């Protein structure tokens, strides 16, 4: 129950934050396209990630799956920091 509450709170705060970041610095008439792109990428990442991590768990075990899953958010944060520093 506690993990469900933590997951719900994290997911509920992640989605609006990503949408807010996606429209930062975007012209008003392009905001819909930016939001659509973010949500499509988010859904694609969830679906493809679950399939790929399932295959990895099958061949490498759960420890390999959890290690790979922990690297994905870290890579995202590092990419965001790099792009934000470059002014994208």
N, C-alpha and C. Protein backbone atom coordinates (compact mmCIF):
# COMPACT_ATOMS: atom_id res chain seq x y z
N UNK A 1 0.82 -1.17 0.00
CA UNK A 1 0.00 0.00 0.00
C UNK A 1 0.88 1.26 0.00
N UNK A 2 1.92 1.22 0.81
CA UNK A 2 2.82 2.39 0.88
C UNK A 2 3.53 2.59 -0.45
N UNK A 3 3.99 1.50 -1.07
CA UNK A 3 4.67 1.65 -2.36
C UNK A 3 3.71 2.17 -3.43
N UNK A 4 2.46 1.78 -3.37
CA UNK A 4 1.46 2.31 -4.30
C UNK A 4 1.25 3.79 -4.12
N UNK A 5 1.24 4.24 -2.88
CA UNK A 5 1.07 5.67 -2.60
C UNK A 5 2.29 6.45 -3.09
N UNK A 6 3.48 5.92 -2.84
CA UNK A 6 4.71 6.59 -3.28
C UNK A 6 4.76 6.64 -4.81
N UNK A 7 4.42 5.53 -5.46
CA UNK A 7 4.42 5.49 -6.93
C UNK A 7 3.40 6.48 -7.49
N UNK A 8 2.22 6.51 -6.94
CA UNK A 8 1.19 7.44 -7.40
C UNK A 8 1.59 8.89 -7.22
N UNK A 9 2.21 9.19 -6.09
CA UNK A 9 2.65 10.57 -5.85
C UNK A 9 3.77 10.95 -6.82
N UNK A 10 4.69 10.04 -7.07
CA UNK A 10 5.78 10.32 -8.00
C UNK A 10 5.29 10.48 -9.42
N UNK A 11 4.43 9.60 -9.86
CA UNK A 11 3.89 9.68 -11.22
C UNK A 11 3.01 10.90 -11.38
N UNK A 12 2.25 11.20 -10.35
CA UNK A 12 1.37 12.37 -10.41
C UNK A 12 2.11 13.69 -10.43
N UNK A 13 3.31 13.72 -9.90
CA UNK A 13 4.09 14.96 -9.94
C UNK A 13 5.05 14.98 -11.13
N UNK A 14 5.40 13.82 -11.66
CA UNK A 14 6.30 13.76 -12.81
C UNK A 14 5.64 14.26 -14.08
N UNK A 15 4.43 13.82 -14.33
CA UNK A 15 3.76 14.17 -15.57
C UNK A 15 3.56 15.68 -15.73
N UNK A 16 3.02 16.40 -14.75
CA UNK A 16 2.90 17.85 -14.93
C UNK A 16 4.25 18.56 -15.03
N UNK A 17 5.26 18.04 -14.33
CA UNK A 17 6.59 18.66 -14.41
C UNK A 17 7.17 18.50 -15.81
N UNK A 18 7.03 17.32 -16.41
CA UNK A 18 7.53 17.11 -17.77
C UNK A 18 6.78 17.99 -18.77
N UNK A 19 5.48 18.11 -18.60
CA UNK A 19 4.72 18.96 -19.51
C UNK A 19 5.10 20.42 -19.36
N UNK A 20 5.35 20.86 -18.13
CA UNK A 20 5.77 22.25 -17.92
C UNK A 20 7.14 22.50 -18.55
N UNK A 21 8.05 21.55 -18.40
CA UNK A 21 9.37 21.71 -19.01
C UNK A 21 9.28 21.69 -20.54
N UNK A 22 8.33 20.94 -21.08
CA UNK A 22 8.24 20.83 -22.53
C UNK A 22 7.75 22.12 -23.18
N UNK A 23 6.98 22.93 -22.48
CA UNK A 23 6.47 24.17 -23.08
C UNK A 23 7.28 25.39 -22.68
N UNK A 24 8.31 25.19 -21.90
CA UNK A 24 9.17 26.30 -21.49
C UNK A 24 9.91 26.83 -22.71
N UNK A 25 9.67 28.08 -23.05
CA UNK A 25 10.34 28.70 -24.17
C UNK A 25 9.74 28.37 -25.53
N UNK A 26 8.59 27.73 -25.56
CA UNK A 26 7.93 27.37 -26.82
C UNK A 26 6.86 28.41 -27.13
N UNK A 27 6.73 28.74 -28.42
CA UNK A 27 5.69 29.68 -28.82
C UNK A 27 4.33 29.10 -28.47
N UNK A 28 3.37 29.98 -28.24
CA UNK A 28 2.05 29.57 -27.79
C UNK A 28 1.38 28.62 -28.78
N UNK A 29 1.51 28.86 -30.06
CA UNK A 29 0.83 28.02 -31.04
C UNK A 29 1.48 26.65 -31.22
N UNK A 30 2.67 26.42 -30.65
CA UNK A 30 3.36 25.13 -30.75
C UNK A 30 3.28 24.30 -29.47
N UNK A 31 2.62 24.81 -28.45
CA UNK A 31 2.58 24.10 -27.17
C UNK A 31 1.84 22.78 -27.24
N UNK A 32 0.79 22.70 -28.02
CA UNK A 32 0.05 21.44 -28.17
C UNK A 32 0.92 20.35 -28.78
N UNK A 33 1.70 20.72 -29.79
CA UNK A 33 2.59 19.75 -30.42
C UNK A 33 3.68 19.30 -29.44
N UNK A 34 4.19 20.23 -28.64
CA UNK A 34 5.21 19.87 -27.66
C UNK A 34 4.66 18.92 -26.60
N UNK A 35 3.46 19.21 -26.12
CA UNK A 35 2.84 18.33 -25.12
C UNK A 35 2.53 16.96 -25.70
N UNK A 36 2.07 16.92 -26.95
CA UNK A 36 1.80 15.64 -27.60
C UNK A 36 3.06 14.82 -27.78
N UNK A 37 4.15 15.48 -28.14
CA UNK A 37 5.42 14.78 -28.31
C UNK A 37 5.92 14.21 -27.00
N UNK A 38 5.81 14.98 -25.93
CA UNK A 38 6.27 14.51 -24.62
C UNK A 38 5.44 13.31 -24.16
N UNK A 39 4.13 13.40 -24.31
CA UNK A 39 3.29 12.29 -23.85
C UNK A 39 3.48 11.04 -24.71
N UNK A 40 3.69 11.22 -26.02
CA UNK A 40 3.97 10.07 -26.89
C UNK A 40 5.28 9.40 -26.50
N UNK A 41 6.30 10.22 -26.26
CA UNK A 41 7.60 9.67 -25.85
C UNK A 41 7.50 8.99 -24.49
N UNK A 42 6.72 9.56 -23.58
CA UNK A 42 6.54 8.97 -22.26
C UNK A 42 5.86 7.60 -22.37
N UNK A 43 4.79 7.53 -23.15
CA UNK A 43 4.08 6.27 -23.33
C UNK A 43 4.93 5.24 -24.04
N UNK A 44 5.68 5.67 -25.05
CA UNK A 44 6.57 4.76 -25.76
C UNK A 44 7.66 4.23 -24.83
N UNK A 45 8.20 5.10 -23.98
CA UNK A 45 9.23 4.67 -23.03
C UNK A 45 8.71 3.67 -22.02
N UNK A 46 7.48 3.88 -21.54
CA UNK A 46 6.89 2.93 -20.58
C UNK A 46 6.65 1.59 -21.25
N UNK A 47 6.08 1.60 -22.46
CA UNK A 47 5.77 0.32 -23.11
C UNK A 47 7.03 -0.40 -23.58
N UNK A 48 7.94 0.30 -24.23
CA UNK A 48 9.17 -0.35 -24.72
C UNK A 48 10.06 -0.75 -23.54
N UNK A 49 10.10 0.10 -22.52
CA UNK A 49 10.94 -0.22 -21.36
C UNK A 49 10.49 -1.47 -20.64
N UNK A 50 9.17 -1.66 -20.51
CA UNK A 50 8.69 -2.85 -19.82
C UNK A 50 8.99 -4.11 -20.61
N UNK A 51 8.88 -4.04 -21.93
CA UNK A 51 9.21 -5.21 -22.75
C UNK A 51 10.70 -5.51 -22.68
N UNK A 52 11.54 -4.50 -22.86
CA UNK A 52 12.98 -4.71 -22.84
C UNK A 52 13.47 -5.18 -21.47
N UNK A 53 12.92 -4.60 -20.41
CA UNK A 53 13.34 -5.04 -19.08
C UNK A 53 12.83 -6.45 -18.78
N UNK A 54 11.69 -6.83 -19.33
CA UNK A 54 11.22 -8.20 -19.18
C UNK A 54 12.14 -9.20 -19.87
N UNK A 55 12.60 -8.85 -21.05
CA UNK A 55 13.55 -9.72 -21.76
C UNK A 55 14.86 -9.80 -20.99
N UNK A 56 15.31 -8.66 -20.48
CA UNK A 56 16.55 -8.65 -19.70
C UNK A 56 16.41 -9.49 -18.43
N UNK A 57 15.26 -9.41 -17.78
CA UNK A 57 15.03 -10.21 -16.57
C UNK A 57 15.02 -11.70 -16.90
N UNK A 58 14.51 -12.03 -18.06
CA UNK A 58 14.47 -13.44 -18.46
C UNK A 58 15.87 -13.99 -18.69
N UNK A 59 16.73 -13.22 -19.32
CA UNK A 59 18.07 -13.71 -19.64
C UNK A 59 19.13 -13.36 -18.60
N UNK A 60 19.00 -12.22 -17.93
CA UNK A 60 20.04 -11.80 -17.00
C UNK A 60 19.65 -11.86 -15.54
N UNK A 61 18.38 -12.10 -15.27
CA UNK A 61 17.92 -12.14 -13.89
C UNK A 61 17.41 -10.78 -13.43
N UNK A 62 16.77 -10.81 -12.28
CA UNK A 62 16.16 -9.59 -11.76
C UNK A 62 17.19 -8.55 -11.33
N UNK A 63 18.34 -8.98 -10.86
CA UNK A 63 19.34 -7.99 -10.45
C UNK A 63 19.82 -7.17 -11.65
N UNK A 64 20.04 -7.81 -12.79
CA UNK A 64 20.44 -7.09 -13.99
C UNK A 64 19.32 -6.16 -14.45
N UNK A 65 18.07 -6.61 -14.31
CA UNK A 65 16.95 -5.78 -14.72
C UNK A 65 16.86 -4.53 -13.85
N UNK A 66 16.99 -4.69 -12.55
CA UNK A 66 16.90 -3.53 -11.66
C UNK A 66 18.07 -2.56 -11.85
N UNK A 67 19.24 -3.09 -12.12
CA UNK A 67 20.39 -2.22 -12.39
C UNK A 67 20.16 -1.43 -13.67
N UNK A 68 19.69 -2.09 -14.72
CA UNK A 68 19.41 -1.39 -15.98
C UNK A 68 18.29 -0.37 -15.80
N UNK A 69 17.27 -0.71 -15.02
CA UNK A 69 16.16 0.22 -14.80
C UNK A 69 16.60 1.43 -13.99
N UNK A 70 17.59 1.27 -13.15
CA UNK A 70 18.05 2.42 -12.36
C UNK A 70 18.91 3.37 -13.19
N UNK A 71 19.51 2.87 -14.26
CA UNK A 71 20.33 3.74 -15.10
C UNK A 71 19.50 4.64 -16.01
N UNK A 72 18.30 4.24 -16.36
CA UNK A 72 17.47 5.02 -17.28
C UNK A 72 17.13 6.41 -16.73
N UNK A 73 16.63 6.55 -15.50
CA UNK A 73 16.36 7.90 -14.99
C UNK A 73 17.62 8.73 -14.82
N UNK A 74 18.70 8.10 -14.43
CA UNK A 74 19.95 8.82 -14.28
C UNK A 74 20.42 9.37 -15.63
N UNK A 75 20.30 8.57 -16.67
CA UNK A 75 20.68 9.04 -18.01
C UNK A 75 19.79 10.20 -18.44
N UNK A 76 18.50 10.14 -18.12
CA UNK A 76 17.60 11.23 -18.45
C UNK A 76 17.95 12.52 -17.75
N UNK A 77 18.30 12.43 -16.49
CA UNK A 77 18.68 13.63 -15.73
C UNK A 77 19.97 14.22 -16.30
N UNK A 78 20.93 13.37 -16.61
CA UNK A 78 22.19 13.86 -17.16
C UNK A 78 21.99 14.52 -18.53
N UNK A 79 21.14 13.92 -19.37
CA UNK A 79 20.85 14.53 -20.67
C UNK A 79 20.15 15.88 -20.50
N UNK A 80 19.21 15.94 -19.58
CA UNK A 80 18.51 17.20 -19.34
C UNK A 80 19.49 18.28 -18.86
N UNK A 81 20.35 17.93 -17.94
CA UNK A 81 21.31 18.92 -17.43
C UNK A 81 22.26 19.38 -18.53
N UNK A 82 22.69 18.46 -19.39
CA UNK A 82 23.58 18.83 -20.49
C UNK A 82 22.87 19.75 -21.48
N UNK A 83 21.64 19.39 -21.88
CA UNK A 83 20.89 20.21 -22.83
C UNK A 83 20.50 21.55 -22.23
N UNK A 84 20.17 21.55 -20.96
CA UNK A 84 19.80 22.82 -20.31
C UNK A 84 21.00 23.74 -20.23
N UNK A 85 22.18 23.19 -20.00
CA UNK A 85 23.40 23.98 -19.95
C UNK A 85 23.74 24.56 -21.31
N UNK A 86 23.45 23.79 -22.38
CA UNK A 86 23.73 24.24 -23.73
C UNK A 86 22.68 25.22 -24.24
N UNK A 87 21.57 25.34 -23.55
CA UNK A 87 20.55 26.31 -23.93
C UNK A 87 19.47 25.76 -24.84
N UNK A 88 19.31 24.45 -24.93
CA UNK A 88 18.25 23.86 -25.78
C UNK A 88 16.91 23.99 -25.12
